[in-house]
Amino acid sequence: MQEKDMVNDAITTTKASIDCYNKAITECANQQLRSTLQQLRNEAEQFQYQLFQIAEQKGYYVPAPPANANDIQQVKSGLTGGGMQ
């Protein structure tokens, strides 16, 4: 297995874990458990970002170009009830 594949697999697995933590957090009634899950999710997010940075530095991942201001405003308006149908 190539390093690129290992990094991408680790990113994918970590992102799936983050999704699971988010679901568990939203369904958790016990505040102590909820706080623990939030901490674990935050740590997983930091790890995923570190993996992303490695992948980007090594050329395994090329992010999309930045959105222009008009595109950002359209999405923002749509999400705040300003007309996205």
PDB file of N, CA and C in Angstrom:
ATOM      1  N   MET A   1       0.853  -1.179   0.000  1.00  0.00           N
ATOM      2  CA  MET A   1       0.000   0.000   0.000  1.00  0.00           C
ATOM      3  C   MET A   1       0.895   1.236   0.000  1.00  0.00           C
ATOM      4  N   GLN A   2       0.564   2.189  -0.827  1.00  0.00           N
ATOM      5  CA  GLN A   2       1.323   3.430  -0.943  1.00  0.00           C
ATOM      6  C   GLN A   2       0.999   4.381   0.212  1.00  0.00           C
ATOM      7  N   GLU A   3       1.959   5.265   0.511  1.00  0.00           N
ATOM      8  CA  GLU A   3       1.745   6.245   1.577  1.00  0.00           C
ATOM      9  C   GLU A   3       0.502   7.094   1.301  1.00  0.00           C
ATOM     10  N   LYS A   4       0.324   7.488   0.052  1.00  0.00           N
ATOM     11  CA  LYS A   4      -0.841   8.305  -0.315  1.00  0.00           C
ATOM     12  C   LYS A   4      -2.137   7.592   0.065  1.00  0.00           C
ATOM     13  N   ASP A   5      -2.212   6.302  -0.218  1.00  0.00           N
ATOM     14  CA  ASP A   5      -3.413   5.529   0.114  1.00  0.00           C
ATOM     15  C   ASP A   5      -3.628   5.447   1.621  1.00  0.00           C
ATOM     16  N   MET A   6      -2.537   5.283   2.360  1.00  0.00           N
ATOM     17  CA  MET A   6      -2.650   5.207   3.820  1.00  0.00           C
ATOM     18  C   MET A   6      -3.150   6.530   4.407  1.00  0.00           C
ATOM     19  N   VAL A   7      -2.610   7.643   3.906  1.00  0.00           N
ATOM     20  CA  VAL A   7      -3.037   8.956   4.396  1.00  0.00           C
ATOM     21  C   VAL A   7      -4.509   9.181   4.058  1.00  0.00           C
ATOM     22  N   ASN A   8      -4.887   8.868   2.821  1.00  0.00           N
ATOM     23  CA  ASN A   8      -6.283   9.068   2.417  1.00  0.00           C
ATOM     24  C   ASN A   8      -7.226   8.169   3.205  1.00  0.00           C
ATOM     25  N   ASP A   9      -6.816   6.922   3.472  1.00  0.00           N
ATOM     26  CA  ASP A   9      -7.641   6.023   4.284  1.00  0.00           C
ATOM     27  C   ASP A   9      -7.803   6.560   5.708  1.00  0.00           C
ATOM     28  N   ALA A  10      -6.706   7.076   6.269  1.00  0.00           N
ATOM     29  CA  ALA A  10      -6.764   7.629   7.630  1.00  0.00           C
ATOM     30  C   ALA A  10      -7.683   8.846   7.671  1.00  0.00           C
ATOM     31  N   ILE A  11      -7.621   9.693   6.651  1.00  0.00           N
ATOM     32  CA  ILE A  11      -8.510  10.861   6.592  1.00  0.00           C
ATOM     33  C   ILE A  11      -9.966  10.416   6.512  1.00  0.00           C
ATOM     34  N   THR A  12     -10.245   9.464   5.639  1.00  0.00           N
ATOM     35  CA  THR A  12     -11.615   8.975   5.472  1.00  0.00           C
ATOM     36  C   THR A  12     -12.149   8.348   6.756  1.00  0.00           C
ATOM     37  N   THR A  13     -11.323   7.544   7.409  1.00  0.00           N
ATOM     38  CA  THR A  13     -11.727   6.902   8.659  1.00  0.00           C
ATOM     39  C   THR A  13     -11.973   7.923   9.757  1.00  0.00           C
ATOM     40  N   THR A  14     -11.098   8.916   9.836  1.00  0.00           N
ATOM     41  CA  THR A  14     -11.243   9.954  10.864  1.00  0.00           C
ATOM     42  C   THR A  14     -12.502  10.776  10.616  1.00  0.00           C
ATOM     43  N   LYS A  15     -12.768  11.107   9.359  1.00  0.00           N
ATOM     44  CA  LYS A  15     -13.992  11.859   9.047  1.00  0.00           C
ATOM     45  C   LYS A  15     -15.242  11.061   9.414  1.00  0.00           C
ATOM     46  N   ALA A  16     -15.217   9.746   9.198  1.00  0.00           N
ATOM     47  CA  ALA A  16     -16.350   8.899   9.574  1.00  0.00           C
ATOM     48  C   ALA A  16     -16.521   8.892  11.094  1.00  0.00           C
ATOM     49  N   SER A  17     -15.413   8.851  11.821  1.00  0.00           N
ATOM     50  CA  SER A  17     -15.479   8.900  13.286  1.00  0.00           C
ATOM     51  C   SER A  17     -16.098  10.216  13.751  1.00  0.00           C
ATOM     52  N   ILE A  18     -15.702  11.312  13.123  1.00  0.00           N
ATOM     53  CA  ILE A  18     -16.253  12.629  13.477  1.00  0.00           C
ATOM     54  C   ILE A  18     -17.763  12.638  13.267  1.00  0.00           C
ATOM     55  N   ASP A  19     -18.218  12.053  12.153  1.00  0.00           N
ATOM     56  CA  ASP A  19     -19.661  11.973  11.896  1.00  0.00           C
ATOM     57  C   ASP A  19     -20.369  11.180  12.998  1.00  0.00           C
ATOM     58  N   CYS A  20     -19.753  10.083  13.418  1.00  0.00           N
ATOM     59  CA  CYS A  20     -20.351   9.261  14.490  1.00  0.00           C
ATOM     60  C   CYS A  20     -20.399  10.029  15.809  1.00  0.00           C
ATOM     61  N   TYR A  21     -19.311  10.735  16.126  1.00  0.00           N
ATOM     62  CA  TYR A  21     -19.308  11.548  17.344  1.00  0.00           C
ATOM     63  C   TYR A  21     -20.418  12.597  17.283  1.00  0.00           C
ATOM     64  N   ASN A  22     -20.564  13.272  16.138  1.00  0.00           N
ATOM     65  CA  ASN A  22     -21.603  14.295  16.017  1.00  0.00           C
ATOM     66  C   ASN A  22     -22.989  13.718  16.263  1.00  0.00           C
ATOM     67  N   LYS A  23     -23.251  12.552  15.700  1.00  0.00           N
ATOM     68  CA  LYS A  23     -24.559  11.937  15.888  1.00  0.00           C
ATOM     69  C   LYS A  23     -24.771  11.575  17.357  1.00  0.00           C
ATOM     70  N   ALA A  24     -23.756  10.984  17.968  1.00  0.00           N
ATOM     71  CA  ALA A  24     -23.875  10.601  19.374  1.00  0.00           C
ATOM     72  C   ALA A  24     -24.080  11.820  20.269  1.00  0.00           C
ATOM     73  N   ILE A  25     -23.377  12.901  19.970  1.00  0.00           N
ATOM     74  CA  ILE A  25     -23.502  14.127  20.770  1.00  0.00           C
ATOM     75  C   ILE A  25     -24.928  14.671  20.713  1.00  0.00           C
ATOM     76  N   THR A  26     -25.500  14.697  19.524  1.00  0.00           N
ATOM     77  CA  THR A  26     -26.847  15.263  19.384  1.00  0.00           C
ATOM     78  C   THR A  26     -27.912  14.394  20.041  1.00  0.00           C
ATOM     79  N   GLU A  27     -27.600  13.131  20.276  1.00  0.00           N
ATOM     80  CA  GLU A  27     -28.570  12.219  20.879  1.00  0.00           C
ATOM     81  C   GLU A  27     -28.289  11.930  22.347  1.00  0.00           C
ATOM     82  N   CYS A  28     -27.284  12.573  22.909  1.00  0.00           N
ATOM     83  CA  CYS A  28     -26.843  12.269  24.265  1.00  0.00           C
ATOM     84  C   CYS A  28     -27.537  13.169  25.299  1.00  0.00           C
ATOM     85  N   ALA A  29     -28.120  12.538  26.308  1.00  0.00           N
ATOM     86  CA  ALA A  29     -28.788  13.292  27.366  1.00  0.00           C
ATOM     87  C   ALA A  29     -27.889  13.503  28.579  1.00  0.00           C
ATOM     88  N   ASN A  30     -26.892  12.655  28.756  1.00  0.00           N
ATOM     89  CA  ASN A  30     -25.988  12.739  29.898  1.00  0.00           C
ATOM     90  C   ASN A  30     -24.917  13.793  29.608  1.00  0.00           C
ATOM     91  N   GLN A  31     -24.888  14.860  30.387  1.00  0.00           N
ATOM     92  CA  GLN A  31     -23.990  15.978  30.120  1.00  0.00           C
ATOM     93  C   GLN A  31     -22.519  15.583  30.207  1.00  0.00           C
ATOM     94  N   GLN A  32     -22.172  14.738  31.162  1.00  0.00           N
ATOM     95  CA  GLN A  32     -20.775  14.320  31.307  1.00  0.00           C
ATOM     96  C   GLN A  32     -20.333  13.509  30.079  1.00  0.00           C
ATOM     97  N   LEU A  33     -21.172  12.583  29.641  1.00  0.00           N
ATOM     98  CA  LEU A  33     -20.861  11.801  28.448  1.00  0.00           C
ATOM     99  C   LEU A  33     -20.814  12.702  27.215  1.00  0.00           C
ATOM    100  N   ARG A  34     -21.750  13.632  27.135  1.00  0.00           N
ATOM    101  CA  ARG A  34     -21.786  14.570  26.008  1.00  0.00           C
ATOM    102  C   ARG A  34     -20.488  15.369  25.935  1.00  0.00           C
ATOM    103  N   SER A  35     -20.012  15.856  27.067  1.00  0.00           N
ATOM    104  CA  SER A  35     -18.766  16.620  27.101  1.00  0.00           C
ATOM    105  C   SER A  35     -17.575  15.762  26.667  1.00  0.00           C
ATOM    106  N   THR A  36     -17.565  14.519  27.117  1.00  0.00           N
ATOM    107  CA  THR A  36     -16.488  13.606  26.727  1.00  0.00           C
ATOM    108  C   THR A  36     -16.511  13.362  25.225  1.00  0.00           C
ATOM    109  N   LEU A  37     -17.690  13.131  24.676  1.00  0.00           N
ATOM    110  CA  LEU A  37     -17.811  12.917  23.226  1.00  0.00           C
ATOM    111  C   LEU A  37     -17.398  14.159  22.450  1.00  0.00           C
ATOM    112  N   GLN A  38     -17.743  15.333  22.956  1.00  0.00           N
ATOM    113  CA  GLN A  38     -17.329  16.572  22.295  1.00  0.00           C
ATOM    114  C   GLN A  38     -15.812  16.714  22.293  1.00  0.00           C
ATOM    115  N   GLN A  39     -15.190  16.355  23.408  1.00  0.00           N
ATOM    116  CA  GLN A  39     -13.727  16.424  23.483  1.00  0.00           C
ATOM    117  C   GLN A  39     -13.094  15.442  22.491  1.00  0.00           C
ATOM    118  N   LEU A  40     -13.626  14.231  22.427  1.00  0.00           N
ATOM    119  CA  LEU A  40     -13.107  13.239  21.484  1.00  0.00           C
ATOM    120  C   LEU A  40     -13.297  13.698  20.038  1.00  0.00           C
ATOM    121  N   ARG A  41     -14.458  14.306  19.757  1.00  0.00           N
ATOM    122  CA  ARG A  41     -14.708  14.825  18.414  1.00  0.00           C
ATOM    123  C   ARG A  41     -13.720  15.931  18.070  1.00  0.00           C
ATOM    124  N   ASN A  42     -13.488  16.839  19.016  1.00  0.00           N
ATOM    125  CA  ASN A  42     -12.547  17.935  18.775  1.00  0.00           C
ATOM    126  C   ASN A  42     -11.144  17.413  18.496  1.00  0.00           C
ATOM    127  N   GLU A  43     -10.727  16.395  19.239  1.00  0.00           N
ATOM    128  CA  GLU A  43      -9.412  15.795  19.012  1.00  0.00           C
ATOM    129  C   GLU A  43      -9.348  15.125  17.642  1.00  0.00           C
ATOM    130  N   ALA A  44     -10.426  14.454  17.259  1.00  0.00           N
ATOM    131  CA  ALA A  44     -10.472  13.814  15.945  1.00  0.00           C
ATOM    132  C   ALA A  44     -10.419  14.862  14.827  1.00  0.00           C
ATOM    133  N   GLU A  45     -11.086  15.996  15.036  1.00  0.00           N
ATOM    134  CA  GLU A  45     -11.050  17.071  14.040  1.00  0.00           C
ATOM    135  C   GLU A  45      -9.640  17.630  13.895  1.00  0.00           C
ATOM    136  N   GLN A  46      -8.940  17.790  15.002  1.00  0.00           N
ATOM    137  CA  GLN A  46      -7.558  18.281  14.953  1.00  0.00           C
ATOM    138  C   GLN A  46      -6.668  17.287  14.217  1.00  0.00           C
ATOM    139  N   PHE A  47      -6.847  15.995  14.508  1.00  0.00           N
ATOM    140  CA  PHE A  47      -6.068  14.955  13.841  1.00  0.00           C
ATOM    141  C   PHE A  47      -6.363  14.938  12.345  1.00  0.00           C
ATOM    142  N   GLN A  48      -7.635  15.044  11.986  1.00  0.00           N
ATOM    143  CA  GLN A  48      -8.014  15.051  10.568  1.00  0.00           C
ATOM    144  C   GLN A  48      -7.379  16.236   9.861  1.00  0.00           C
ATOM    145  N   TYR A  49      -7.349  17.387  10.510  1.00  0.00           N
ATOM    146  CA  TYR A  49      -6.757  18.574   9.891  1.00  0.00           C
ATOM    147  C   TYR A  49      -5.249  18.392   9.708  1.00  0.00           C
ATOM    148  N   GLN A  50      -4.602  17.763  10.674  1.00  0.00           N
ATOM    149  CA  GLN A  50      -3.167  17.484  10.537  1.00  0.00           C
ATOM    150  C   GLN A  50      -2.917  16.539   9.363  1.00  0.00           C
ATOM    151  N   LEU A  51      -3.754  15.518   9.224  1.00  0.00           N
ATOM    152  CA  LEU A  51      -3.631  14.608   8.095  1.00  0.00           C
ATOM    153  C   LEU A  51      -3.869  15.342   6.775  1.00  0.00           C
ATOM    154  N   PHE A  52      -4.864  16.214   6.763  1.00  0.00           N
ATOM    155  CA  PHE A  52      -5.141  17.017   5.570  1.00  0.00           C
ATOM    156  C   PHE A  52      -3.916  17.847   5.178  1.00  0.00           C
ATOM    157  N   GLN A  53      -3.279  18.469   6.169  1.00  0.00           N
ATOM    158  CA  GLN A  53      -2.102  19.289   5.890  1.00  0.00           C
ATOM    159  C   GLN A  53      -0.972  18.439   5.303  1.00  0.00           C
ATOM    160  N   ILE A  54      -0.780  17.244   5.817  1.00  0.00           N
ATOM    161  CA  ILE A  54       0.233  16.340   5.282  1.00  0.00           C
ATOM    162  C   ILE A  54      -0.099  15.989   3.838  1.00  0.00           C
ATOM    163  N   ALA A  55      -1.353  15.629   3.600  1.00  0.00           N
ATOM    164  CA  ALA A  55      -1.775  15.257   2.248  1.00  0.00           C
ATOM    165  C   ALA A  55      -1.592  16.420   1.275  1.00  0.00           C
ATOM    166  N   GLU A  56      -1.922  17.612   1.716  1.00  0.00           N
ATOM    167  CA  GLU A  56      -1.782  18.785   0.854  1.00  0.00           C
ATOM    168  C   GLU A  56      -0.310  19.079   0.569  1.00  0.00           C
ATOM    169  N   GLN A  57       0.540  19.013   1.594  1.00  0.00           N
ATOM    170  CA  GLN A  57       1.966  19.287   1.426  1.00  0.00           C
ATOM    171  C   GLN A  57       2.625  18.289   0.476  1.00  0.00           C
ATOM    172  N   LYS A  58       2.191  17.045   0.522  1.00  0.00           N
ATOM    173  CA  LYS A  58       2.787  16.000  -0.303  1.00  0.00           C
ATOM    174  C   LYS A  58       2.151  15.921  -1.690  1.00  0.00           C
ATOM    175  N   GLY A  59       1.141  16.757  -1.926  1.00  0.00           N
ATOM    176  CA  GLY A  59       0.484  16.759  -3.230  1.00  0.00           C
ATOM    177  C   GLY A  59      -0.538  15.656  -3.412  1.00  0.00           C
ATOM    178  N   TYR A  60      -0.954  15.016  -2.310  1.00  0.00           N
ATOM    179  CA  TYR A  60      -1.962  13.962  -2.379  1.00  0.00           C
ATOM    180  C   TYR A  60      -3.363  14.537  -2.494  1.00  0.00           C
ATOM    181  N   TYR A  61      -3.494  15.792  -2.137  1.00  0.00           N
ATOM    182  CA  TYR A  61      -4.803  16.459  -2.145  1.00  0.00           C
ATOM    183  C   TYR A  61      -4.608  17.885  -2.625  1.00  0.00           C
ATOM    184  N   VAL A  62      -5.407  18.272  -3.595  1.00  0.00           N
ATOM    185  CA  VAL A  62      -5.384  19.645  -4.091  1.00  0.00           C
ATOM    186  C   VAL A  62      -6.759  20.241  -3.809  1.00  0.00           C
ATOM    187  N   PRO A  63      -6.832  21.211  -2.890  1.00  0.00           N
ATOM    188  CA  PRO A  63      -8.138  21.786  -2.553  1.00  0.00           C
ATOM    189  C   PRO A  63      -8.723  22.578  -3.721  1.00  0.00           C
ATOM    190  N   ALA A  64     -10.019  22.731  -3.689  1.00  0.00           N
ATOM    191  CA  ALA A  64     -10.698  23.543  -4.693  1.00  0.00           C
ATOM    192  C   ALA A  64     -10.243  24.989  -4.556  1.00  0.00           C
ATOM    193  N   PRO A  65     -10.276  25.729  -5.651  1.00  0.00           N
ATOM    194  CA  PRO A  65      -9.899  27.145  -5.547  1.00  0.00           C
ATOM    195  C   PRO A  65     -10.885  27.893  -4.647  1.00  0.00           C
ATOM    196  N   PRO A  66     -10.434  28.989  -4.037  1.00  0.00           N
ATOM    197  CA  PRO A  66     -11.319  29.758  -3.162  1.00  0.00           C
ATOM    198  C   PRO A  66     -12.543  30.287  -3.923  1.00  0.00           C
ATOM    199  N   ALA A  67     -13.667  30.316  -3.227  1.00  0.00           N
ATOM    200  CA  ALA A  67     -14.888  30.866  -3.812  1.00  0.00           C
ATOM    201  C   ALA A  67     -14.781  32.385  -3.862  1.00  0.00           C
ATOM    202  N   ASN A  68     -15.437  32.964  -4.855  1.00  0.00           N
ATOM    203  CA  ASN A  68     -15.431  34.429  -4.918  1.00  0.00           C
ATOM    204  C   ASN A  68     -16.502  34.983  -3.976  1.00  0.00           C
ATOM    205  N   ALA A  69     -16.419  36.266  -3.708  1.00  0.00           N
ATOM    206  CA  ALA A  69     -17.303  36.911  -2.725  1.00  0.00           C
ATOM    207  C   ALA A  69     -18.778  36.755  -3.085  1.00  0.00           C
ATOM    208  N   ASN A  70     -19.119  36.815  -4.369  1.00  0.00           N
ATOM    209  CA  ASN A  70     -20.510  36.686  -4.801  1.00  0.00           C
ATOM    210  C   ASN A  70     -21.056  35.291  -4.492  1.00  0.00           C
ATOM    211  N   ASP A  71     -20.253  34.253  -4.772  1.00  0.00           N
ATOM    212  CA  ASP A  71     -20.678  32.885  -4.474  1.00  0.00           C
ATOM    213  C   ASP A  71     -20.888  32.691  -2.975  1.00  0.00           C
ATOM    214  N   ILE A  72     -19.991  33.228  -2.184  1.00  0.00           N
ATOM    215  CA  ILE A  72     -20.102  33.120  -0.725  1.00  0.00           C
ATOM    216  C   ILE A  72     -21.382  33.794  -0.246  1.00  0.00           C
ATOM    217  N   GLN A  73     -21.671  34.971  -0.765  1.00  0.00           N
ATOM    218  CA  GLN A  73     -22.867  35.701  -0.358  1.00  0.00           C
ATOM    219  C   GLN A  73     -24.132  34.948  -0.745  1.00  0.00           C
ATOM    220  N   GLN A  74     -24.141  34.324  -1.934  1.00  0.00           N
ATOM    221  CA  GLN A  74     -25.314  33.559  -2.362  1.00  0.00           C
ATOM    222  C   GLN A  74     -25.578  32.387  -1.418  1.00  0.00           C
ATOM    223  N   VAL A  75     -24.538  31.672  -1.060  1.00  0.00           N
ATOM    224  CA  VAL A  75     -24.705  30.547  -0.145  1.00  0.00           C
ATOM    225  C   VAL A  75     -25.156  31.043   1.227  1.00  0.00           C
ATOM    226  N   LYS A  76     -24.517  32.108   1.691  1.00  0.00           N
ATOM    227  CA  LYS A  76     -24.874  32.670   2.995  1.00  0.00           C
ATOM    228  C   LYS A  76     -26.338  33.111   3.013  1.00  0.00           C
ATOM    229  N   SER A  77     -26.777  33.773   1.967  1.00  0.00           N
ATOM    230  CA  SER A  77     -28.184  34.215   1.882  1.00  0.00           C
ATOM    231  C   SER A  77     -29.129  33.031   1.872  1.00  0.00           C
ATOM    232  N   GLY A  78     -28.748  31.993   1.135  1.00  0.00           N
ATOM    233  CA  GLY A  78     -29.598  30.803   1.062  1.00  0.00           C
ATOM    234  C   GLY A  78     -29.708  30.111   2.409  1.00  0.00           C
ATOM    235  N   LEU A  79     -28.635  30.065   3.150  1.00  0.00           N
ATOM    236  CA  LEU A  79     -28.653  29.378   4.435  1.00  0.00           C
ATOM    237  C   LEU A  79     -29.349  30.185   5.523  1.00  0.00           C
ATOM    238  N   THR A  80     -29.454  31.476   5.352  1.00  0.00           N
ATOM    239  CA  THR A  80     -30.123  32.307   6.346  1.00  0.00           C
ATOM    240  C   THR A  80     -31.554  32.638   5.931  1.00  0.00           C
ATOM    241  N   GLY A  81     -32.066  31.896   4.952  1.00  0.00           N
ATOM    242  CA  GLY A  81     -33.450  32.083   4.543  1.00  0.00           C
ATOM    243  C   GLY A  81     -33.650  33.154   3.501  1.00  0.00           C
ATOM    244  N   GLY A  82     -32.587  33.543   2.824  1.00  0.00           N
ATOM    245  CA  GLY A  82     -32.685  34.615   1.853  1.00  0.00           C
ATOM    246  C   GLY A  82     -32.948  34.181   0.439  1.00  0.00           C
ATOM    247  N   GLY A  83     -33.548  33.016   0.222  1.00  0.00           N
ATOM    248  CA  GLY A  83     -34.007  32.701  -1.115  1.00  0.00           C
ATOM    249  C   GLY A  83     -33.518  31.420  -1.733  1.00  0.00           C
ATOM    250  N   MET A  84     -32.805  30.578  -1.048  1.00  0.00           N
ATOM    251  CA  MET A  84     -32.391  29.313  -1.657  1.00  0.00           C
ATOM    252  C   MET A  84     -33.588  28.374  -1.652  1.00  0.00           C
ATOM    253  N   GLN A  85     -34.008  27.941  -2.786  1.00  0.00           N
ATOM    254  CA  GLN A  85     -35.209  27.126  -2.907  1.00  0.00           C
ATOM    255  C   GLN A  85     -34.879  25.709  -3.264  1.00  0.00           C
TER     256      GLN A  85
END
